Amino acid sequence: MSYGNPILVRHVDDSMIGGVCAGLAHRFGMDVSLVRIAYILFSILSAAFPGTIVYLLLWAVVPDEMGRRARLPWVLVVLLFGLPLLALGCGIMGSMLGALLG
């Protein structure tokens, strides 16, 4: 198998959010849409939380094509505020579903 790029970098020009999926696709010579679909399936099957953490960590750690890393304060804001809100929302939805179905 021939890989597209010898190192993993985020592809900001081909990104939808942070360029992580595009970077993985270019690194392994795959179609970007397939990697995005696989990521979405992984996130859904892992209850969204681990998939979101992995994406945010890769976004913070993996540099873009120019060698720049993501602005860490932005990623920290998402980690500190976005993830707890996501977890709260999932908990509320789960309890509502449990009340409706139970």
Foldseek 3Di string as FASTA:
>chain_A
DDAQDCDFAFAPVPDPPQRRLVSVCNGRVHDSVVSVVVLVVVCVVVVNQVSVVVVLVCQQPHHHPVRHGPDVVVSVCCVVPVNVVVVVVVVVVVVVVVVVVD
